[in-house]
Every structure is written in C-alpha cells, then in structure tokens.
C-alpha cells in the first residue's frame, strides 16, 4: 500500500476544479478501491446567458418547439448540442 496525500479542503468548486486540473489524483486516491456509483439526480452546471436573435428566427423556433411539444429553450439547446457534436467540439 502506498502513502497517499490527504485531499485538501477547498473553498469553492472552482478552486477544487483548478486543483485537480494540475494534480494527479492517483497521489491522493486509491482508485483500486473505488466503487461505481449511479447519480440519477445529478444535473449539469448551467449558466444563464443573454442571446440576441432576430425576431423572425425566434418566432420560427417557438413554432417548431410548439409542434414538437417542447420548450423553445430546450429545443435550442438540443440544436446547439447536435451542432457542437457535428463540429467535433463536444464528444
């Protein structure tokens, strides 16, 4: 068994994210003892943005969303996600 470093206490999620981007987790965690967990209620972190769209584009989006019986914001996120995958920016 190796001597593992103690995982530091973090003041924020951002501080923790920055720490793990520059440190090897195997120096802190014995992954051979890790167990798989299912987190069914986990939601991705979201950030609100302002987006200016031409009125006609927004109207068309709302009409299409109405036909699909989904909120127009959800449809827009789906379109963006699909395009990002298509452009190979998101896997």
N, C-alpha and C. Protein backbone atom coordinates (compact mmCIF):
# COMPACT_ATOMS: atom_id res chain seq x y z
N UNK A 1 0.84 -1.19 0.00
CA UNK A 1 0.00 0.00 0.00
C UNK A 1 0.88 1.25 0.00
N UNK A 2 0.50 2.20 -0.84
CA UNK A 2 1.26 3.43 -0.94
C UNK A 2 0.75 4.44 0.07
N UNK A 3 1.62 5.37 0.39
CA UNK A 3 1.21 6.50 1.22
C UNK A 3 0.55 7.53 0.32
N UNK A 4 -0.70 7.81 0.62
CA UNK A 4 -1.44 8.78 -0.18
C UNK A 4 -1.44 10.13 0.52
N UNK A 5 -1.42 11.17 -0.29
CA UNK A 5 -1.50 12.52 0.25
C UNK A 5 -2.95 12.79 0.66
N UNK A 6 -3.17 13.58 1.72
CA UNK A 6 -4.55 13.91 2.07
C UNK A 6 -5.15 14.88 1.05
N UNK A 7 -6.42 14.66 0.72
CA UNK A 7 -7.11 15.56 -0.20
C UNK A 7 -7.36 16.87 0.53
N UNK A 8 -6.93 17.98 -0.04
CA UNK A 8 -7.12 19.27 0.65
C UNK A 8 -8.60 19.67 0.72
N UNK A 9 -8.90 20.58 1.63
CA UNK A 9 -10.24 21.17 1.72
C UNK A 9 -10.27 22.35 0.75
N UNK A 10 -11.35 22.47 0.01
CA UNK A 10 -11.46 23.51 -0.99
C UNK A 10 -12.51 24.53 -0.58
N UNK A 11 -12.24 25.80 -0.89
CA UNK A 11 -13.17 26.88 -0.54
C UNK A 11 -14.31 27.00 -1.55
N UNK A 12 -14.10 26.46 -2.75
CA UNK A 12 -15.14 26.56 -3.77
C UNK A 12 -14.97 25.43 -4.78
N UNK A 13 -16.02 25.20 -5.55
CA UNK A 13 -15.96 24.20 -6.61
C UNK A 13 -14.90 24.60 -7.64
N UNK A 14 -14.80 25.89 -7.90
CA UNK A 14 -13.81 26.37 -8.86
C UNK A 14 -12.38 26.07 -8.38
N UNK A 15 -12.12 26.29 -7.10
CA UNK A 15 -10.79 26.01 -6.54
C UNK A 15 -10.48 24.52 -6.66
N UNK A 16 -11.48 23.69 -6.39
CA UNK A 16 -11.27 22.25 -6.49
C UNK A 16 -11.01 21.85 -7.94
N UNK A 17 -11.77 22.40 -8.87
CA UNK A 17 -11.59 22.09 -10.30
C UNK A 17 -10.18 22.47 -10.75
N UNK A 18 -9.72 23.66 -10.34
CA UNK A 18 -8.37 24.12 -10.72
C UNK A 18 -7.29 23.22 -10.12
N UNK A 19 -7.51 22.77 -8.88
CA UNK A 19 -6.55 21.88 -8.23
C UNK A 19 -6.41 20.58 -9.02
N UNK A 20 -7.55 19.93 -9.34
CA UNK A 20 -7.49 18.63 -10.00
C UNK A 20 -7.00 18.73 -11.43
N UNK A 21 -7.07 19.92 -12.04
CA UNK A 21 -6.54 20.08 -13.39
C UNK A 21 -5.01 20.08 -13.39
N UNK A 22 -4.41 20.32 -12.24
CA UNK A 22 -2.95 20.41 -12.18
C UNK A 22 -2.31 19.37 -11.26
N UNK A 23 -3.12 18.45 -10.70
CA UNK A 23 -2.59 17.43 -9.80
C UNK A 23 -3.05 16.05 -10.22
N UNK A 24 -2.22 15.06 -10.00
CA UNK A 24 -2.53 13.67 -10.33
C UNK A 24 -3.35 13.06 -9.19
N UNK A 25 -4.58 12.67 -9.49
CA UNK A 25 -5.47 12.14 -8.45
C UNK A 25 -4.96 10.84 -7.83
N UNK A 26 -4.12 10.10 -8.56
CA UNK A 26 -3.61 8.84 -8.01
C UNK A 26 -2.66 9.05 -6.84
N UNK A 27 -2.21 10.28 -6.65
CA UNK A 27 -1.38 10.60 -5.49
C UNK A 27 -2.23 10.84 -4.25
N UNK A 28 -3.55 10.97 -4.45
CA UNK A 28 -4.47 11.30 -3.37
C UNK A 28 -5.54 10.23 -3.12
N UNK A 29 -5.84 9.44 -4.16
CA UNK A 29 -6.95 8.49 -4.09
C UNK A 29 -6.48 7.13 -4.57
N UNK A 30 -6.85 6.09 -3.84
CA UNK A 30 -6.54 4.71 -4.25
C UNK A 30 -7.70 4.23 -5.12
N UNK A 31 -7.57 4.41 -6.43
CA UNK A 31 -8.66 4.10 -7.35
C UNK A 31 -8.96 2.61 -7.43
N UNK A 32 -8.03 1.75 -6.97
CA UNK A 32 -8.30 0.31 -7.00
C UNK A 32 -9.42 -0.06 -6.02
N UNK A 33 -9.70 0.82 -5.06
CA UNK A 33 -10.77 0.57 -4.09
C UNK A 33 -12.06 1.33 -4.44
N UNK A 34 -12.05 2.02 -5.56
CA UNK A 34 -13.22 2.81 -5.95
C UNK A 34 -14.37 1.90 -6.35
N UNK A 35 -15.59 2.36 -6.08
CA UNK A 35 -16.79 1.63 -6.47
C UNK A 35 -17.62 2.52 -7.38
N UNK A 36 -18.22 1.91 -8.38
CA UNK A 36 -19.05 2.65 -9.33
C UNK A 36 -20.34 3.08 -8.63
N UNK A 37 -20.75 4.31 -8.87
CA UNK A 37 -21.97 4.87 -8.28
C UNK A 37 -22.85 5.43 -9.39
N UNK A 38 -24.14 5.34 -9.18
CA UNK A 38 -25.10 5.95 -10.09
C UNK A 38 -25.67 7.17 -9.39
N UNK A 39 -25.64 8.31 -10.07
CA UNK A 39 -26.15 9.56 -9.51
C UNK A 39 -27.32 10.02 -10.39
N UNK A 40 -28.51 9.47 -10.16
CA UNK A 40 -29.63 9.72 -11.06
C UNK A 40 -30.14 11.16 -11.03
N UNK A 41 -29.93 11.89 -9.95
CA UNK A 41 -30.46 13.24 -9.85
C UNK A 41 -29.42 14.32 -10.13
N UNK A 42 -28.25 13.92 -10.60
CA UNK A 42 -27.19 14.88 -10.89
C UNK A 42 -27.54 15.69 -12.13
N UNK A 43 -27.48 17.00 -11.99
CA UNK A 43 -27.78 17.89 -13.11
C UNK A 43 -26.51 18.66 -13.47
N UNK A 44 -26.27 18.84 -14.76
CA UNK A 44 -25.07 19.59 -15.15
C UNK A 44 -25.16 21.05 -14.69
N UNK A 45 -24.02 21.61 -14.42
CA UNK A 45 -23.97 23.02 -14.05
C UNK A 45 -24.35 23.85 -15.26
N UNK A 46 -25.24 24.79 -15.06
CA UNK A 46 -25.70 25.65 -16.15
C UNK A 46 -25.38 27.10 -15.83
N UNK A 47 -25.28 27.87 -16.88
CA UNK A 47 -25.06 29.31 -16.72
C UNK A 47 -26.01 30.03 -17.67
N UNK A 48 -26.70 31.02 -17.15
CA UNK A 48 -27.59 31.82 -17.98
C UNK A 48 -26.78 32.77 -18.84
N UNK A 49 -27.24 32.95 -20.07
CA UNK A 49 -26.61 33.91 -20.98
C UNK A 49 -27.71 34.74 -21.64
N UNK A 50 -27.33 35.88 -22.15
CA UNK A 50 -28.23 36.67 -22.98
C UNK A 50 -27.85 36.40 -24.43
N UNK A 51 -28.85 36.17 -25.22
CA UNK A 51 -28.62 35.87 -26.63
C UNK A 51 -29.60 36.66 -27.47
N UNK A 52 -29.09 37.50 -28.33
CA UNK A 52 -29.95 38.30 -29.19
C UNK A 52 -30.17 37.55 -30.49
N UNK A 53 -31.44 37.31 -30.80
CA UNK A 53 -31.82 36.62 -32.03
C UNK A 53 -32.76 37.50 -32.82
N UNK A 54 -32.71 37.41 -34.13
CA UNK A 54 -33.72 38.12 -34.92
C UNK A 54 -35.12 37.61 -34.54
N UNK A 55 -36.08 38.52 -34.50
CA UNK A 55 -37.44 38.16 -34.09
C UNK A 55 -37.98 37.02 -34.95
N UNK A 56 -37.74 37.08 -36.24
CA UNK A 56 -38.26 36.02 -37.12
C UNK A 56 -37.66 34.65 -36.78
N UNK A 57 -36.38 34.62 -36.43
CA UNK A 57 -35.74 33.36 -36.06
C UNK A 57 -36.36 32.82 -34.76
N UNK A 58 -36.56 33.70 -33.79
CA UNK A 58 -37.15 33.29 -32.53
C UNK A 58 -38.59 32.80 -32.74
N UNK A 59 -39.33 33.48 -33.59
CA UNK A 59 -40.70 33.05 -33.90
C UNK A 59 -40.71 31.65 -34.52
N UNK A 60 -39.82 31.41 -35.47
CA UNK A 60 -39.73 30.09 -36.11
C UNK A 60 -39.35 29.02 -35.09
N UNK A 61 -38.43 29.36 -34.20
CA UNK A 61 -38.01 28.42 -33.16
C UNK A 61 -39.19 28.07 -32.25
N UNK A 62 -39.96 29.08 -31.86
CA UNK A 62 -41.12 28.85 -30.99
C UNK A 62 -42.19 28.01 -31.68
N UNK A 63 -42.41 28.26 -32.95
CA UNK A 63 -43.40 27.48 -33.70
C UNK A 63 -42.96 26.02 -33.79
N UNK A 64 -41.69 25.80 -34.14
CA UNK A 64 -41.18 24.43 -34.24
C UNK A 64 -41.22 23.73 -32.88
N UNK A 65 -40.84 24.42 -31.84
CA UNK A 65 -40.87 23.84 -30.50
C UNK A 65 -42.30 23.48 -30.11
N UNK A 66 -43.24 24.35 -30.45
CA UNK A 66 -44.65 24.08 -30.17
C UNK A 66 -45.11 22.81 -30.89
N UNK A 67 -44.72 22.65 -32.15
CA UNK A 67 -45.08 21.44 -32.92
C UNK A 67 -44.50 20.18 -32.28
N UNK A 68 -43.30 20.32 -31.69
CA UNK A 68 -42.64 19.18 -31.05
C UNK A 68 -43.04 19.02 -29.59
N UNK A 69 -43.84 19.97 -29.09
CA UNK A 69 -44.33 19.97 -27.72
C UNK A 69 -43.17 19.99 -26.71
N UNK A 70 -42.21 20.87 -26.97
CA UNK A 70 -41.09 21.08 -26.05
C UNK A 70 -40.88 22.58 -25.87
N UNK A 71 -40.31 23.01 -24.74
CA UNK A 71 -39.99 24.43 -24.58
C UNK A 71 -38.96 24.87 -25.64
N UNK A 72 -39.10 26.08 -26.12
CA UNK A 72 -38.19 26.53 -27.18
C UNK A 72 -36.74 26.60 -26.70
N UNK A 73 -36.53 26.90 -25.40
CA UNK A 73 -35.15 26.93 -24.90
C UNK A 73 -34.53 25.53 -24.95
N UNK A 74 -35.31 24.51 -24.64
CA UNK A 74 -34.81 23.13 -24.69
C UNK A 74 -34.49 22.73 -26.12
N UNK A 75 -35.35 23.13 -27.04
CA UNK A 75 -35.09 22.82 -28.45
C UNK A 75 -33.82 23.51 -28.93
N UNK A 76 -33.63 24.75 -28.53
CA UNK A 76 -32.42 25.49 -28.90
C UNK A 76 -31.17 24.80 -28.34
N UNK A 77 -31.23 24.34 -27.09
CA UNK A 77 -30.08 23.63 -26.50
C UNK A 77 -29.80 22.34 -27.26
N UNK A 78 -30.85 21.65 -27.68
CA UNK A 78 -30.67 20.42 -28.46
C UNK A 78 -29.99 20.72 -29.80
N UNK A 79 -30.46 21.78 -30.46
CA UNK A 79 -29.84 22.18 -31.73
C UNK A 79 -28.36 22.51 -31.54
N UNK A 80 -28.06 23.28 -30.50
CA UNK A 80 -26.67 23.64 -30.25
C UNK A 80 -25.82 22.41 -29.94
N UNK A 81 -26.35 21.52 -29.11
CA UNK A 81 -25.61 20.31 -28.75
C UNK A 81 -25.32 19.46 -29.99
N UNK A 82 -26.35 19.28 -30.83
CA UNK A 82 -26.16 18.49 -32.06
C UNK A 82 -25.10 19.11 -32.96
N UNK A 83 -25.13 20.42 -33.09
CA UNK A 83 -24.16 21.09 -33.97
C UNK A 83 -22.74 21.00 -33.41
N UNK A 84 -22.62 21.14 -32.09
CA UNK A 84 -21.30 21.02 -31.48
C UNK A 84 -20.73 19.62 -31.68
N UNK A 85 -21.57 18.62 -31.55
CA UNK A 85 -21.11 17.25 -31.82
C UNK A 85 -20.70 17.10 -33.27
N UNK A 86 -21.50 17.66 -34.16
CA UNK A 86 -21.20 17.61 -35.59
C UNK A 86 -19.85 18.26 -35.90
N UNK A 87 -19.55 19.34 -35.22
CA UNK A 87 -18.30 20.06 -35.43
C UNK A 87 -17.15 19.45 -34.62
N UNK A 88 -17.42 18.37 -33.91
CA UNK A 88 -16.42 17.64 -33.12
C UNK A 88 -15.83 18.46 -31.98
N UNK A 89 -16.61 19.38 -31.43
CA UNK A 89 -16.14 20.16 -30.29
C UNK A 89 -16.58 19.52 -28.99
N UNK A 90 -17.63 18.70 -29.03
CA UNK A 90 -18.15 18.02 -27.85
C UNK A 90 -18.25 16.55 -28.20
N UNK A 91 -17.83 15.71 -27.26
CA UNK A 91 -17.90 14.26 -27.52
C UNK A 91 -18.98 13.63 -26.69
